[in-house]
C-alpha cells in the first residue's frame, strides 16, 4: 500500500530558497530549494527527519497561455537507523538519498478574475527499499484560482495509473503587511480524498493513498519572504492536523 503512515498532527519548519532568471523575452528558468524538518505529503508523514526538495522548471508563453515543464525531487538528508520509530520514504539506508522524482507539465491561462491550470505529474521512486518502482504512478490535475480577497484556489488531482481516484484540495492565503517591504504570508489548506482510499474489497496488489475517503488533513501556514536581488528566502511554519 502506498503512503499509509498517517500524521494526525504535525508541526514542521521550512526554508524556501528561490531564484528565477529570464532565458529570453517572457521565458523564465526557475530553481527552488525547500529545506524541511520532515516531508509531509497531503497530510501523510513520509519522513520524520530533514529533507531537501529542489525544483527546476521552465515557463514560456503560448499565445494567451503559459506553459511550464519541470522536475521536483525529494532527498532524504539523514540516514535512518531506528526501524521502530523512523519513517523514511527511501528506506533510510544512506544519507543524501534521492528518494522521489516528480516530472510535471502544465498550461495556465487567464479567464477574467480566474486563472485556469491543467497538467500532469508523475511520482517516480528510484530506490529498492521504502517506496520503490512498484509505487510509480501518474496524476492529471486541474486548478482554478481567483484574483479576489483571500486568493481562493481549488485543485483536483486524479490518479490515472495505480490508485485511480481523486484528491481535492482547497486553499486560501492572505498577506499581512509588516513594513513597506515585508509581509507575513498566512495560508490555510484542506484536503479531501474521493476514491483514493483503501477499498473494502482491496486485494494485496491494490494501492491507495489514504485509509478513508473524506477530509484528509488541514494545514495552517505562516511564511516571511525575504528578498535579495533575484533570490527569495522564506522561513515558514506549518501546523497540520
Foldseek 3Di string as FASTA:
>chain_A
DPLEAADQKDKKKKKKKKFWDAPDVQKIKIKIKMWMQFDADLRGGQWNGIKIKMKIKIWHDDVQKIKMWIKIWIFAAAADDDVVPTHHQQQRHGGRHGAWMKTKMKMWHDDVQKIKMKIKIWIAGPHPPHDHRLPIWMKIKMKMWGNDAQTKMKMKIATPGQQGWIKIKIKGWDWADPDPPKTKIKMKMWMWTGRQAQDPPDDPSHHHNYPDTTTRKMKIKIWIWDDDVRIIMIMMMIMMD
